[in-house]
Amino acid sequence: MMKNFRTFILAAFACAFAATAALAHAFLDHAVPGVGATVSASPGELELSFTQNIVPAFSGVEIAEAGGGSVPVGKPVVDPGSPNVIHVRLGRALKPGVYTVRWHVVSVDTHPTHGDFTFGVGP
């Protein structure tokens, strides 16, 4: 009976640790322009804020127009005051329309994550 109890405790501990480790990925917390937002003018850059600090050398951002064309962007730069925030300069002004942002990052604990969101530029 005691052996079963120890096995149960060890299994419970392992599950609790695994759940904590799964939460250790860097996920997008918020962005500027905001996810699903429409801005009145073209932004000069994107700001993406994550739930963990980011390694910019292994991270990237792409922007696509509604028709599929890509928008030139600079390399992600970590905000010196907030290492969980990256800034991405746009290579040109955005025309009115809907844009898709695709991002991939590696957090300082080496976990890669990726995702996408859209935002619009109004007339």
PDB file of N, CA and C in Angstrom:
ATOM      1  N   MET A   1       0.831  -1.191   0.000  1.00  0.00           N
ATOM      2  CA  MET A   1       0.000   0.000   0.000  1.00  0.00           C
ATOM      3  C   MET A   1       0.874   1.253   0.000  1.00  0.00           C
ATOM      4  N   MET A   2       1.945   1.263   0.799  1.00  0.00           N
ATOM      5  CA  MET A   2       2.831   2.411   0.873  1.00  0.00           C
ATOM      6  C   MET A   2       3.535   2.650  -0.464  1.00  0.00           C
ATOM      7  N   LYS A   3       3.871   1.542  -1.167  1.00  0.00           N
ATOM      8  CA  LYS A   3       4.527   1.660  -2.468  1.00  0.00           C
ATOM      9  C   LYS A   3       3.602   2.355  -3.468  1.00  0.00           C
ATOM     10  N   ASN A   4       2.312   2.019  -3.466  1.00  0.00           N
ATOM     11  CA  ASN A   4       1.343   2.664  -4.355  1.00  0.00           C
ATOM     12  C   ASN A   4       1.206   4.144  -4.032  1.00  0.00           C
ATOM     13  N   PHE A   5       1.243   4.487  -2.748  1.00  0.00           N
ATOM     14  CA  PHE A   5       1.131   5.883  -2.342  1.00  0.00           C
ATOM     15  C   PHE A   5       2.346   6.680  -2.836  1.00  0.00           C
ATOM     16  N   ARG A   6       3.547   6.107  -2.688  1.00  0.00           N
ATOM     17  CA  ARG A   6       4.759   6.784  -3.171  1.00  0.00           C
ATOM     18  C   ARG A   6       4.716   6.958  -4.689  1.00  0.00           C
ATOM     19  N   THR A   7       4.254   5.948  -5.396  1.00  0.00           N
ATOM     20  CA  THR A   7       4.138   6.033  -6.848  1.00  0.00           C
ATOM     21  C   THR A   7       3.167   7.144  -7.229  1.00  0.00           C
ATOM     22  N   PHE A   8       2.059   7.227  -6.513  1.00  0.00           N
ATOM     23  CA  PHE A   8       1.069   8.277  -6.766  1.00  0.00           C
ATOM     24  C   PHE A   8       1.675   9.657  -6.534  1.00  0.00           C
ATOM     25  N   ILE A   9       2.403   9.836  -5.444  1.00  0.00           N
ATOM     26  CA  ILE A   9       3.014  11.128  -5.122  1.00  0.00           C
ATOM     27  C   ILE A   9       4.042  11.504  -6.197  1.00  0.00           C
ATOM     28  N   LEU A  10       4.869  10.548  -6.601  1.00  0.00           N
ATOM     29  CA  LEU A  10       5.858  10.832  -7.641  1.00  0.00           C
ATOM     30  C   LEU A  10       5.192  11.193  -8.968  1.00  0.00           C
ATOM     31  N   ALA A  11       4.137  10.496  -9.319  1.00  0.00           N
ATOM     32  CA  ALA A  11       3.409  10.798 -10.551  1.00  0.00           C
ATOM     33  C   ALA A  11       2.764  12.178 -10.482  1.00  0.00           C
ATOM     34  N   ALA A  12       2.196  12.527  -9.345  1.00  0.00           N
ATOM     35  CA  ALA A  12       1.580  13.848  -9.172  1.00  0.00           C
ATOM     36  C   ALA A  12       2.633  14.944  -9.286  1.00  0.00           C
ATOM     37  N   PHE A  13       3.785  14.721  -8.669  1.00  0.00           N
ATOM     38  CA  PHE A  13       4.870  15.694  -8.749  1.00  0.00           C
ATOM     39  C   PHE A  13       5.337  15.858 -10.197  1.00  0.00           C
ATOM     40  N   ALA A  14       5.483  14.767 -10.920  1.00  0.00           N
ATOM     41  CA  ALA A  14       5.927  14.819 -12.315  1.00  0.00           C
ATOM     42  C   ALA A  14       4.919  15.578 -13.175  1.00  0.00           C
ATOM     43  N   CYS A  15       3.640  15.354 -12.954  1.00  0.00           N
ATOM     44  CA  CYS A  15       2.610  16.066 -13.717  1.00  0.00           C
ATOM     45  C   CYS A  15       2.637  17.556 -13.401  1.00  0.00           C
ATOM     46  N   ALA A  16       2.798  17.904 -12.151  1.00  0.00           N
ATOM     47  CA  ALA A  16       2.859  19.317 -11.763  1.00  0.00           C
ATOM     48  C   ALA A  16       4.061  19.993 -12.394  1.00  0.00           C
ATOM     49  N   PHE A  17       5.206  19.321 -12.409  1.00  0.00           N
ATOM     50  CA  PHE A  17       6.405  19.888 -13.014  1.00  0.00           C
ATOM     51  C   PHE A  17       6.218  20.043 -14.522  1.00  0.00           C
ATOM     52  N   ALA A  18       5.626  19.062 -15.174  1.00  0.00           N
ATOM     53  CA  ALA A  18       5.408  19.123 -16.626  1.00  0.00           C
ATOM     54  C   ALA A  18       4.481  20.274 -16.976  1.00  0.00           C
ATOM     55  N   ALA A  19       3.454  20.511 -16.181  1.00  0.00           N
ATOM     56  CA  ALA A  19       2.535  21.620 -16.441  1.00  0.00           C
ATOM     57  C   ALA A  19       3.257  22.945 -16.307  1.00  0.00           C
ATOM     58  N   THR A  20       4.130  23.077 -15.326  1.00  0.00           N
ATOM     59  CA  THR A  20       4.903  24.306 -15.154  1.00  0.00           C
ATOM     60  C   THR A  20       5.846  24.504 -16.328  1.00  0.00           C
ATOM     61  N   ALA A  21       6.510  23.465 -16.775  1.00  0.00           N
ATOM     62  CA  ALA A  21       7.436  23.574 -17.896  1.00  0.00           C
ATOM     63  C   ALA A  21       6.713  23.970 -19.176  1.00  0.00           C
ATOM     64  N   ALA A  22       5.502  23.491 -19.368  1.00  0.00           N
ATOM     65  CA  ALA A  22       4.741  23.830 -20.570  1.00  0.00           C
ATOM     66  C   ALA A  22       4.384  25.307 -20.601  1.00  0.00           C
ATOM     67  N   LEU A  23       4.281  25.932 -19.448  1.00  0.00           N
ATOM     68  CA  LEU A  23       3.953  27.344 -19.390  1.00  0.00           C
ATOM     69  C   LEU A  23       5.174  28.226 -19.614  1.00  0.00           C
ATOM     70  N   ALA A  24       6.336  27.657 -19.825  1.00  0.00           N
ATOM     71  CA  ALA A  24       7.571  28.412 -19.925  1.00  0.00           C
ATOM     72  C   ALA A  24       7.847  28.932 -21.334  1.00  0.00           C
ATOM     73  N   HIS A  25       6.943  28.834 -22.264  1.00  0.00           N
ATOM     74  CA  HIS A  25       7.150  29.324 -23.621  1.00  0.00           C
ATOM     75  C   HIS A  25       6.821  30.815 -23.699  1.00  0.00           C
ATOM     76  N   ALA A  26       7.436  31.488 -24.654  1.00  0.00           N
ATOM     77  CA  ALA A  26       7.161  32.908 -24.880  1.00  0.00           C
ATOM     78  C   ALA A  26       5.992  33.036 -25.845  1.00  0.00           C
ATOM     79  N   PHE A  27       4.886  33.539 -25.352  1.00  0.00           N
ATOM     80  CA  PHE A  27       3.718  33.765 -26.182  1.00  0.00           C
ATOM     81  C   PHE A  27       3.489  35.255 -26.349  1.00  0.00           C
ATOM     82  N   LEU A  28       2.865  35.643 -27.447  1.00  0.00           N
ATOM     83  CA  LEU A  28       2.571  37.045 -27.689  1.00  0.00           C
ATOM     84  C   LEU A  28       1.577  37.527 -26.642  1.00  0.00           C
ATOM     85  N   ASP A  29       1.962  38.565 -25.926  1.00  0.00           N
ATOM     86  CA  ASP A  29       1.095  39.159 -24.907  1.00  0.00           C
ATOM     87  C   ASP A  29       0.255  40.276 -25.518  1.00  0.00           C
ATOM     88  N   HIS A  30       0.906  41.176 -26.242  1.00  0.00           N
ATOM     89  CA  HIS A  30       0.202  42.223 -26.976  1.00  0.00           C
ATOM     90  C   HIS A  30       1.133  42.814 -28.026  1.00  0.00           C
ATOM     91  N   ALA A  31       0.548  43.584 -28.924  1.00  0.00           N
ATOM     92  CA  ALA A  31       1.315  44.167 -30.024  1.00  0.00           C
ATOM     93  C   ALA A  31       0.839  45.583 -30.281  1.00  0.00           C
ATOM     94  N   VAL A  32       1.707  46.368 -30.910  1.00  0.00           N
ATOM     95  CA  VAL A  32       1.357  47.711 -31.377  1.00  0.00           C
ATOM     96  C   VAL A  32       1.798  47.773 -32.829  1.00  0.00           C
ATOM     97  N   PRO A  33       0.874  47.953 -33.781  1.00  0.00           N
ATOM     98  CA  PRO A  33      -0.564  48.043 -33.639  1.00  0.00           C
ATOM     99  C   PRO A  33      -1.144  46.777 -33.014  1.00  0.00           C
ATOM    100  N   GLY A  34      -2.271  46.942 -32.374  1.00  0.00           N
ATOM    101  CA  GLY A  34      -2.906  45.850 -31.654  1.00  0.00           C
ATOM    102  C   GLY A  34      -3.424  44.747 -32.558  1.00  0.00           C
ATOM    103  N   VAL A  35      -3.526  43.582 -31.985  1.00  0.00           N
ATOM    104  CA  VAL A  35      -4.066  42.419 -32.689  1.00  0.00           C
ATOM    105  C   VAL A  35      -5.515  42.722 -33.082  1.00  0.00           C
ATOM    106  N   GLY A  36      -5.796  42.670 -34.380  1.00  0.00           N
ATOM    107  CA  GLY A  36      -7.136  42.927 -34.886  1.00  0.00           C
ATOM    108  C   GLY A  36      -7.508  44.393 -34.950  1.00  0.00           C
ATOM    109  N   ALA A  37      -6.614  45.285 -34.574  1.00  0.00           N
ATOM    110  CA  ALA A  37      -6.907  46.722 -34.558  1.00  0.00           C
ATOM    111  C   ALA A  37      -6.785  47.316 -35.958  1.00  0.00           C
ATOM    112  N   THR A  38      -7.392  48.472 -36.131  1.00  0.00           N
ATOM    113  CA  THR A  38      -7.209  49.263 -37.342  1.00  0.00           C
ATOM    114  C   THR A  38      -6.637  50.603 -36.922  1.00  0.00           C
ATOM    115  N   VAL A  39      -5.518  50.965 -37.528  1.00  0.00           N
ATOM    116  CA  VAL A  39      -4.869  52.238 -37.222  1.00  0.00           C
ATOM    117  C   VAL A  39      -5.153  53.212 -38.365  1.00  0.00           C
ATOM    118  N   SER A  40      -5.106  54.503 -38.060  1.00  0.00           N
ATOM    119  CA  SER A  40      -5.464  55.509 -39.063  1.00  0.00           C
ATOM    120  C   SER A  40      -4.325  55.830 -40.036  1.00  0.00           C
ATOM    121  N   ALA A  41      -3.093  55.515 -39.647  1.00  0.00           N
ATOM    122  CA  ALA A  41      -1.944  55.786 -40.507  1.00  0.00           C
ATOM    123  C   ALA A  41      -0.945  54.641 -40.381  1.00  0.00           C
ATOM    124  N   SER A  42      -0.067  54.557 -41.361  1.00  0.00           N
ATOM    125  CA  SER A  42       0.941  53.500 -41.353  1.00  0.00           C
ATOM    126  C   SER A  42       1.879  53.659 -40.162  1.00  0.00           C
ATOM    127  N   PRO A  43       2.098  52.585 -39.408  1.00  0.00           N
ATOM    128  CA  PRO A  43       3.088  52.665 -38.332  1.00  0.00           C
ATOM    129  C   PRO A  43       4.491  52.629 -38.935  1.00  0.00           C
ATOM    130  N   GLY A  44       5.459  53.162 -38.218  1.00  0.00           N
ATOM    131  CA  GLY A  44       6.846  53.093 -38.660  1.00  0.00           C
ATOM    132  C   GLY A  44       7.517  51.796 -38.237  1.00  0.00           C
ATOM    133  N   GLU A  45       6.928  51.167 -37.224  1.00  0.00           N
ATOM    134  CA  GLU A  45       7.474  49.916 -36.710  1.00  0.00           C
ATOM    135  C   GLU A  45       6.381  49.126 -36.025  1.00  0.00           C
ATOM    136  N   LEU A  46       6.659  47.850 -35.795  1.00  0.00           N
ATOM    137  CA  LEU A  46       5.808  46.997 -34.975  1.00  0.00           C
ATOM    138  C   LEU A  46       6.492  46.815 -33.633  1.00  0.00           C
ATOM    139  N   GLU A  47       5.686  46.701 -32.596  1.00  0.00           N
ATOM    140  CA  GLU A  47       6.207  46.381 -31.267  1.00  0.00           C
ATOM    141  C   GLU A  47       5.468  45.146 -30.788  1.00  0.00           C
ATOM    142  N   LEU A  48       6.198  44.075 -30.534  1.00  0.00           N
ATOM    143  CA  LEU A  48       5.600  42.828 -30.068  1.00  0.00           C
ATOM    144  C   LEU A  48       6.110  42.535 -28.665  1.00  0.00           C
ATOM    145  N   SER A  49       5.176  42.341 -27.756  1.00  0.00           N
ATOM    146  CA  SER A  49       5.512  42.086 -26.358  1.00  0.00           C
ATOM    147  C   SER A  49       5.151  40.639 -26.028  1.00  0.00           C
ATOM    148  N   PHE A  50       6.119  39.909 -25.468  1.00  0.00           N
ATOM    149  CA  PHE A  50       5.947  38.490 -25.181  1.00  0.00           C
ATOM    150  C   PHE A  50       5.937  38.221 -23.681  1.00  0.00           C
ATOM    151  N   THR A  51       5.536  37.030 -23.324  1.00  0.00           N
ATOM    152  CA  THR A  51       5.438  36.648 -21.914  1.00  0.00           C
ATOM    153  C   THR A  51       6.770  36.245 -21.316  1.00  0.00           C
ATOM    154  N   GLN A  52       7.828  36.172 -22.138  1.00  0.00           N
ATOM    155  CA  GLN A  52       9.181  35.869 -21.667  1.00  0.00           C
ATOM    156  C   GLN A  52      10.175  36.691 -22.456  1.00  0.00           C
ATOM    157  N   ASN A  53      11.394  36.789 -21.955  1.00  0.00           N
ATOM    158  CA  ASN A  53      12.458  37.479 -22.668  1.00  0.00           C
ATOM    159  C   ASN A  53      12.817  36.719 -23.939  1.00  0.00           C
ATOM    160  N   ILE A  54      13.235  37.459 -24.965  1.00  0.00           N
ATOM    161  CA  ILE A  54      13.417  36.926 -26.310  1.00  0.00           C
ATOM    162  C   ILE A  54      14.892  36.973 -26.727  1.00  0.00           C
ATOM    163  N   VAL A  55      15.296  35.986 -27.526  1.00  0.00           N
ATOM    164  CA  VAL A  55      16.624  35.967 -28.142  1.00  0.00           C
ATOM    165  C   VAL A  55      16.438  36.432 -29.597  1.00  0.00           C
ATOM    166  N   PRO A  56      16.813  37.673 -29.924  1.00  0.00           N
ATOM    167  CA  PRO A  56      16.527  38.195 -31.266  1.00  0.00           C
ATOM    168  C   PRO A  56      17.259  37.471 -32.389  1.00  0.00           C
ATOM    169  N   ALA A  57      18.419  36.907 -32.128  1.00  0.00           N
ATOM    170  CA  ALA A  57      19.180  36.218 -33.174  1.00  0.00           C
ATOM    171  C   ALA A  57      18.418  35.022 -33.746  1.00  0.00           C
ATOM    172  N   PHE A  58      17.501  34.462 -32.980  1.00  0.00           N
ATOM    173  CA  PHE A  58      16.735  33.292 -33.431  1.00  0.00           C
ATOM    174  C   PHE A  58      15.257  33.613 -33.599  1.00  0.00           C
ATOM    175  N   SER A  59      14.941  34.883 -33.773  1.00  0.00           N
ATOM    176  CA  SER A  59      13.556  35.315 -33.866  1.00  0.00           C
ATOM    177  C   SER A  59      13.355  36.121 -35.147  1.00  0.00           C
ATOM    178  N   GLY A  60      12.137  36.138 -35.651  1.00  0.00           N
ATOM    179  CA  GLY A  60      11.869  36.880 -36.873  1.00  0.00           C
ATOM    180  C   GLY A  60      10.410  37.262 -37.011  1.00  0.00           C
ATOM    181  N   VAL A  61      10.177  38.250 -37.864  1.00  0.00           N
ATOM    182  CA  VAL A  61       8.823  38.746 -38.125  1.00  0.00           C
ATOM    183  C   VAL A  61       8.691  38.992 -39.619  1.00  0.00           C
ATOM    184  N   GLU A  62       7.563  38.589 -40.171  1.00  0.00           N
ATOM    185  CA  GLU A  62       7.231  38.847 -41.574  1.00  0.00           C
ATOM    186  C   GLU A  62       5.870  39.516 -41.615  1.00  0.00           C
ATOM    187  N   ILE A  63       5.684  40.406 -42.593  1.00  0.00           N
ATOM    188  CA  ILE A  63       4.383  41.056 -42.778  1.00  0.00           C
ATOM    189  C   ILE A  63       3.950  40.813 -44.213  1.00  0.00           C
ATOM    190  N   ALA A  64       2.701  40.393 -44.375  1.00  0.00           N
ATOM    191  CA  ALA A  64       2.153  40.139 -45.702  1.00  0.00           C
ATOM    192  C   ALA A  64       0.923  41.008 -45.932  1.00  0.00           C
ATOM    193  N   GLU A  65       0.809  41.516 -47.156  1.00  0.00           N
ATOM    194  CA  GLU A  65      -0.374  42.263 -47.564  1.00  0.00           C
ATOM    195  C   GLU A  65      -1.514  41.282 -47.799  1.00  0.00           C
ATOM    196  N   ALA A  66      -2.733  41.814 -47.864  1.00  0.00           N
ATOM    197  CA  ALA A  66      -3.902  40.956 -48.084  1.00  0.00           C
ATOM    198  C   ALA A  66      -3.763  40.157 -49.371  1.00  0.00           C
ATOM    199  N   GLY A  67      -3.140  40.715 -50.395  1.00  0.00           N
ATOM    200  CA  GLY A  67      -2.964  40.024 -51.668  1.00  0.00           C
ATOM    201  C   GLY A  67      -1.816  39.034 -51.667  1.00  0.00           C
ATOM    202  N   GLY A  68      -1.074  38.956 -50.571  1.00  0.00           N
ATOM    203  CA  GLY A  68       0.011  37.992 -50.455  1.00  0.00           C
ATOM    204  C   GLY A  68       1.398  38.575 -50.595  1.00  0.00           C
ATOM    205  N   GLY A  69       1.523  39.806 -51.077  1.00  0.00           N
ATOM    206  CA  GLY A  69       2.850  40.405 -51.205  1.00  0.00           C
ATOM    207  C   GLY A  69       3.468  40.667 -49.840  1.00  0.00           C
ATOM    208  N   SER A  70       4.780  40.631 -49.782  1.00  0.00           N
ATOM    209  CA  SER A  70       5.435  40.842 -48.497  1.00  0.00           C
ATOM    210  C   SER A  70       5.877  42.297 -48.352  1.00  0.00           C
ATOM    211  N   VAL A  71       5.946  42.730 -47.114  1.00  0.00           N
ATOM    212  CA  VAL A  71       6.401  44.069 -46.768  1.00  0.00           C
ATOM    213  C   VAL A  71       7.816  43.926 -46.207  1.00  0.00           C
ATOM    214  N   PRO A  72       8.775  44.694 -46.718  1.00  0.00           N
ATOM    215  CA  PRO A  72      10.132  44.583 -46.170  1.00  0.00           C
ATOM    216  C   PRO A  72      10.186  45.072 -44.724  1.00  0.00           C
ATOM    217  N   VAL A  73      10.885  44.315 -43.892  1.00  0.00           N
ATOM    218  CA  VAL A  73      11.029  44.680 -42.482  1.00  0.00           C
ATOM    219  C   VAL A  73      12.479  44.503 -42.058  1.00  0.00           C
ATOM    220  N   GLY A  74      12.854  45.219 -41.008  1.00  0.00           N
ATOM    221  CA  GLY A  74      14.187  45.068 -40.444  1.00  0.00           C
ATOM    222  C   GLY A  74      14.245  43.864 -39.512  1.00  0.00           C
ATOM    223  N   LYS A  75      15.435  43.616 -38.996  1.00  0.00           N
ATOM    224  CA  LYS A  75      15.610  42.527 -38.035  1.00  0.00           C
ATOM    225  C   LYS A  75      15.005  42.940 -36.694  1.00  0.00           C
ATOM    226  N   PRO A  76      14.429  41.991 -35.963  1.00  0.00           N
ATOM    227  CA  PRO A  76      13.886  42.319 -34.641  1.00  0.00           C
ATOM    228  C   PRO A  76      14.988  42.816 -33.708  1.00  0.00           C
ATOM    229  N   VAL A  77      14.671  43.865 -32.970  1.00  0.00           N
ATOM    230  CA  VAL A  77      15.602  44.437 -31.999  1.00  0.00           C
ATOM    231  C   VAL A  77      14.925  44.385 -30.637  1.00  0.00           C
ATOM    232  N   VAL A  78      15.621  43.838 -29.658  1.00  0.00           N
ATOM    233  CA  VAL A  78      15.065  43.762 -28.308  1.00  0.00           C
ATOM    234  C   VAL A  78      15.107  45.146 -27.673  1.00  0.00           C
ATOM    235  N   ASP A  79      14.023  45.508 -27.015  1.00  0.00           N
ATOM    236  CA  ASP A  79      13.942  46.769 -26.287  1.00  0.00           C
ATOM    237  C   ASP A  79      14.932  46.720 -25.126  1.00  0.00           C
ATOM    238  N   PRO A  80      15.863  47.670 -25.024  1.00  0.00           N
ATOM    239  CA  PRO A  80      16.866  47.622 -23.959  1.00  0.00           C
ATOM    240  C   PRO A  80      16.266  47.646 -22.549  1.00  0.00           C
ATOM    241  N   GLY A  81      15.124  48.276 -22.387  1.00  0.00           N
ATOM    242  CA  GLY A  81      14.499  48.343 -21.068  1.00  0.00           C
ATOM    243  C   GLY A  81      13.542  47.206 -20.770  1.00  0.00           C
ATOM    244  N   SER A  82      13.161  46.453 -21.796  1.00  0.00           N
ATOM    245  CA  SER A  82      12.213  45.341 -21.641  1.00  0.00           C
ATOM    246  C   SER A  82      12.626  44.210 -22.574  1.00  0.00           C
ATOM    247  N   PRO A  83      13.431  43.256 -22.103  1.00  0.00           N
ATOM    248  CA  PRO A  83      13.928  42.196 -22.990  1.00  0.00           C
ATOM    249  C   PRO A  83      12.872  41.204 -23.475  1.00  0.00           C
ATOM    250  N   ASN A  84      11.625  41.417 -23.098  1.00  0.00           N
ATOM    251  CA  ASN A  84      10.528  40.595 -23.619  1.00  0.00           C
ATOM    252  C   ASN A  84       9.810  41.303 -24.770  1.00  0.00           C
ATOM    253  N   VAL A  85      10.306  42.480 -25.158  1.00  0.00           N
ATOM    254  CA  VAL A  85       9.678  43.277 -26.216  1.00  0.00           C
ATOM    255  C   VAL A  85      10.648  43.408 -27.381  1.00  0.00           C
ATOM    256  N   ILE A  86      10.140  43.148 -28.595  1.00  0.00           N
ATOM    257  CA  ILE A  86      10.946  43.373 -29.786  1.00  0.00           C
ATOM    258  C   ILE A  86      10.305  44.454 -30.643  1.00  0.00           C
ATOM    259  N   HIS A  87      11.159  45.207 -31.330  1.00  0.00           N
ATOM    260  CA  HIS A  87      10.728  46.238 -32.269  1.00  0.00           C
ATOM    261  C   HIS A  87      11.183  45.814 -33.655  1.00  0.00           C
ATOM    262  N   VAL A  88      10.309  46.016 -34.641  1.00  0.00           N
ATOM    263  CA  VAL A  88      10.619  45.663 -36.019  1.00  0.00           C
ATOM    264  C   VAL A  88      10.280  46.865 -36.894  1.00  0.00           C
ATOM    265  N   ARG A  89      11.288  47.465 -37.489  1.00  0.00           N
ATOM    266  CA  ARG A  89      11.087  48.621 -38.376  1.00  0.00           C
ATOM    267  C   ARG A  89      10.483  48.165 -39.696  1.00  0.00           C
ATOM    268  N   LEU A  90       9.554  48.951 -40.208  1.00  0.00           N
ATOM    269  CA  LEU A  90       8.964  48.666 -41.509  1.00  0.00           C
ATOM    270  C   LEU A  90       9.821  49.306 -42.587  1.00  0.00           C
ATOM    271  N   GLY A  91       9.978  48.607 -43.703  1.00  0.00           N
ATOM    272  CA  GLY A  91      10.809  49.094 -44.798  1.00  0.00           C
ATOM    273  C   GLY A  91      10.129  50.119 -45.674  1.00  0.00           C
ATOM    274  N   ARG A  92       8.835  50.276 -45.513  1.00  0.00           N
ATOM    275  CA  ARG A  92       8.085  51.272 -46.290  1.00  0.00           C
ATOM    276  C   ARG A  92       6.761  51.546 -45.596  1.00  0.00           C
ATOM    277  N   ALA A  93       6.131  52.630 -45.998  1.00  0.00           N
ATOM    278  CA  ALA A  93       4.815  52.969 -45.450  1.00  0.00           C
ATOM    279  C   ALA A  93       3.786  51.969 -45.972  1.00  0.00           C
ATOM    280  N   LEU A  94       2.827  51.640 -45.120  1.00  0.00           N
ATOM    281  CA  LEU A  94       1.771  50.697 -45.498  1.00  0.00           C
ATOM    282  C   LEU A  94       0.581  51.463 -46.067  1.00  0.00           C
ATOM    283  N   LYS A  95       0.052  50.961 -47.167  1.00  0.00           N
ATOM    284  CA  LYS A  95      -1.155  51.527 -47.767  1.00  0.00           C
ATOM    285  C   LYS A  95      -2.365  51.023 -46.977  1.00  0.00           C
ATOM    286  N   PRO A  96      -3.508  51.673 -47.121  1.00  0.00           N
ATOM    287  CA  PRO A  96      -4.708  51.161 -46.453  1.00  0.00           C
ATOM    288  C   PRO A  96      -4.976  49.708 -46.852  1.00  0.00           C
ATOM    289  N   GLY A  97      -5.352  48.904 -45.885  1.00  0.00           N
ATOM    290  CA  GLY A  97      -5.621  47.494 -46.132  1.00  0.00           C
ATOM    291  C   GLY A  97      -5.395  46.665 -44.885  1.00  0.00           C
ATOM    292  N   VAL A  98      -5.481  45.357 -45.042  1.00  0.00           N
ATOM    293  CA  VAL A  98      -5.292  44.418 -43.932  1.00  0.00           C
ATOM    294  C   VAL A  98      -3.941  43.730 -44.123  1.00  0.00           C
ATOM    295  N   TYR A  99      -3.208  43.589 -43.027  1.00  0.00           N
ATOM    296  CA  TYR A  99      -1.883  42.995 -43.043  1.00  0.00           C
ATOM    297  C   TYR A  99      -1.816  41.846 -42.045  1.00  0.00           C
ATOM    298  N   THR A 100      -1.084  40.803 -42.427  1.00  0.00           N
ATOM    299  CA  THR A 100      -0.871  39.661 -41.542  1.00  0.00           C
ATOM    300  C   THR A 100       0.570  39.682 -41.061  1.00  0.00           C
ATOM    301  N   VAL A 101       0.728  39.597 -39.757  1.00  0.00           N
ATOM    302  CA  VAL A 101       2.047  39.549 -39.134  1.00  0.00           C
ATOM    303  C   VAL A 101       2.298  38.108 -38.709  1.00  0.00           C
ATOM    304  N   ARG A 102       3.382  37.527 -39.197  1.00  0.00           N
ATOM    305  CA  ARG A 102       3.789  36.177 -38.786  1.00  0.00           C
ATOM    306  C   ARG A 102       5.081  36.320 -37.987  1.00  0.00           C
ATOM    307  N   TRP A 103       5.083  35.750 -36.803  1.00  0.00           N
ATOM    308  CA  TRP A 103       6.264  35.875 -35.948  1.00  0.00           C
ATOM    309  C   TRP A 103       6.718  34.500 -35.471  1.00  0.00           C
ATOM    310  N   HIS A 104       8.004  34.401 -35.231  1.00  0.00           N
ATOM    311  CA  HIS A 104       8.573  33.227 -34.555  1.00  0.00           C
ATOM    312  C   HIS A 104       9.671  33.751 -33.630  1.00  0.00           C
ATOM    313  N   VAL A 105       9.677  33.241 -32.425  1.00  0.00           N
ATOM    314  CA  VAL A 105      10.669  33.683 -31.449  1.00  0.00           C
ATOM    315  C   VAL A 105      11.218  32.486 -30.688  1.00  0.00           C
ATOM    316  N   VAL A 106      12.389  32.704 -30.132  1.00  0.00           N
ATOM    317  CA  VAL A 106      12.983  31.754 -29.202  1.00  0.00           C
ATOM    318  C   VAL A 106      13.180  32.522 -27.905  1.00  0.00           C
ATOM    319  N   SER A 107      12.641  31.972 -26.840  1.00  0.00           N
ATOM    320  CA  SER A 107      12.772  32.635 -25.543  1.00  0.00           C
ATOM    321  C   SER A 107      14.130  32.303 -24.941  1.00  0.00           C
ATOM    322  N   VAL A 108      14.503  33.033 -23.905  1.00  0.00           N
ATOM    323  CA  VAL A 108      15.810  32.827 -23.290  1.00  0.00           C
ATOM    324  C   VAL A 108      15.954  31.431 -22.689  1.00  0.00           C
ATOM    325  N   ASP A 109      14.849  30.728 -22.473  1.00  0.00           N
ATOM    326  CA  ASP A 109      14.947  29.348 -21.984  1.00  0.00           C
ATOM    327  C   ASP A 109      14.973  28.350 -23.148  1.00  0.00           C
ATOM    328  N   THR A 110      15.193  28.850 -24.374  1.00  0.00           N
ATOM    329  CA  THR A 110      15.389  28.087 -25.615  1.00  0.00           C
ATOM    330  C   THR A 110      14.130  27.457 -26.201  1.00  0.00           C
ATOM    331  N   HIS A 111      12.961  27.818 -25.741  1.00  0.00           N
ATOM    332  CA  HIS A 111      11.727  27.268 -26.310  1.00  0.00           C
ATOM    333  C   HIS A 111      11.267  28.119 -27.494  1.00  0.00           C
ATOM    334  N   PRO A 112      11.099  27.515 -28.686  1.00  0.00           N
ATOM    335  CA  PRO A 112      10.591  28.268 -29.829  1.00  0.00           C
ATOM    336  C   PRO A 112       9.063  28.299 -29.832  1.00  0.00           C
ATOM    337  N   THR A 113       8.507  29.428 -30.246  1.00  0.00           N
ATOM    338  CA  THR A 113       7.065  29.544 -30.454  1.00  0.00           C
ATOM    339  C   THR A 113       6.843  30.384 -31.709  1.00  0.00           C
ATOM    340  N   HIS A 114       5.636  30.326 -32.234  1.00  0.00           N
ATOM    341  CA  HIS A 114       5.307  31.113 -33.420  1.00  0.00           C
ATOM    342  C   HIS A 114       3.818  31.402 -33.424  1.00  0.00           C
ATOM    343  N   GLY A 115       3.432  32.341 -34.248  1.00  0.00           N
ATOM    344  CA  GLY A 115       2.022  32.685 -34.361  1.00  0.00           C
ATOM    345  C   GLY A 115       1.831  33.767 -35.408  1.00  0.00           C
ATOM    346  N   ASP A 116       0.600  34.223 -35.529  1.00  0.00           N
ATOM    347  CA  ASP A 116       0.306  35.309 -36.458  1.00  0.00           C
ATOM    348  C   ASP A 116      -0.901  36.072 -35.977  1.00  0.00           C
ATOM    349  N   PHE A 117      -1.046  37.262 -36.502  1.00  0.00           N
ATOM    350  CA  PHE A 117      -2.210  38.096 -36.230  1.00  0.00           C
ATOM    351  C   PHE A 117      -2.380  39.090 -37.362  1.00  0.00           C
ATOM    352  N   THR A 118      -3.521  39.716 -37.423  1.00  0.00           N
ATOM    353  CA  THR A 118      -3.762  40.729 -38.453  1.00  0.00           C
ATOM    354  C   THR A 118      -4.029  42.072 -37.802  1.00  0.00           C
ATOM    355  N   PHE A 119      -3.784  43.110 -38.585  1.00  0.00           N
ATOM    356  CA  PHE A 119      -4.185  44.468 -38.216  1.00  0.00           C
ATOM    357  C   PHE A 119      -4.478  45.205 -39.520  1.00  0.00           C
ATOM    358  N   GLY A 120      -5.191  46.306 -39.420  1.00  0.00           N
ATOM    359  CA  GLY A 120      -5.539  47.060 -40.603  1.00  0.00           C
ATOM    360  C   GLY A 120      -5.028  48.485 -40.553  1.00  0.00           C
ATOM    361  N   VAL A 121      -4.830  49.034 -41.725  1.00  0.00           N
ATOM    362  CA  VAL A 121      -4.509  50.452 -41.874  1.00  0.00           C
ATOM    363  C   VAL A 121      -5.683  51.075 -42.599  1.00  0.00           C
ATOM    364  N   GLY A 122      -6.307  52.066 -41.961  1.00  0.00           N
ATOM    365  CA  GLY A 122      -7.487  52.707 -42.544  1.00  0.00           C
ATOM    366  C   GLY A 122      -7.122  53.747 -43.588  1.00  0.00           C
ATOM    367  N   PRO A 123      -8.136  54.163 -44.315  1.00  0.00           N
ATOM    368  CA  PRO A 123      -7.906  55.177 -45.359  1.00  0.00           C
ATOM    369  C   PRO A 123      -7.609  56.548 -44.782  1.00  0.00           C
TER     370      PRO A 123
END
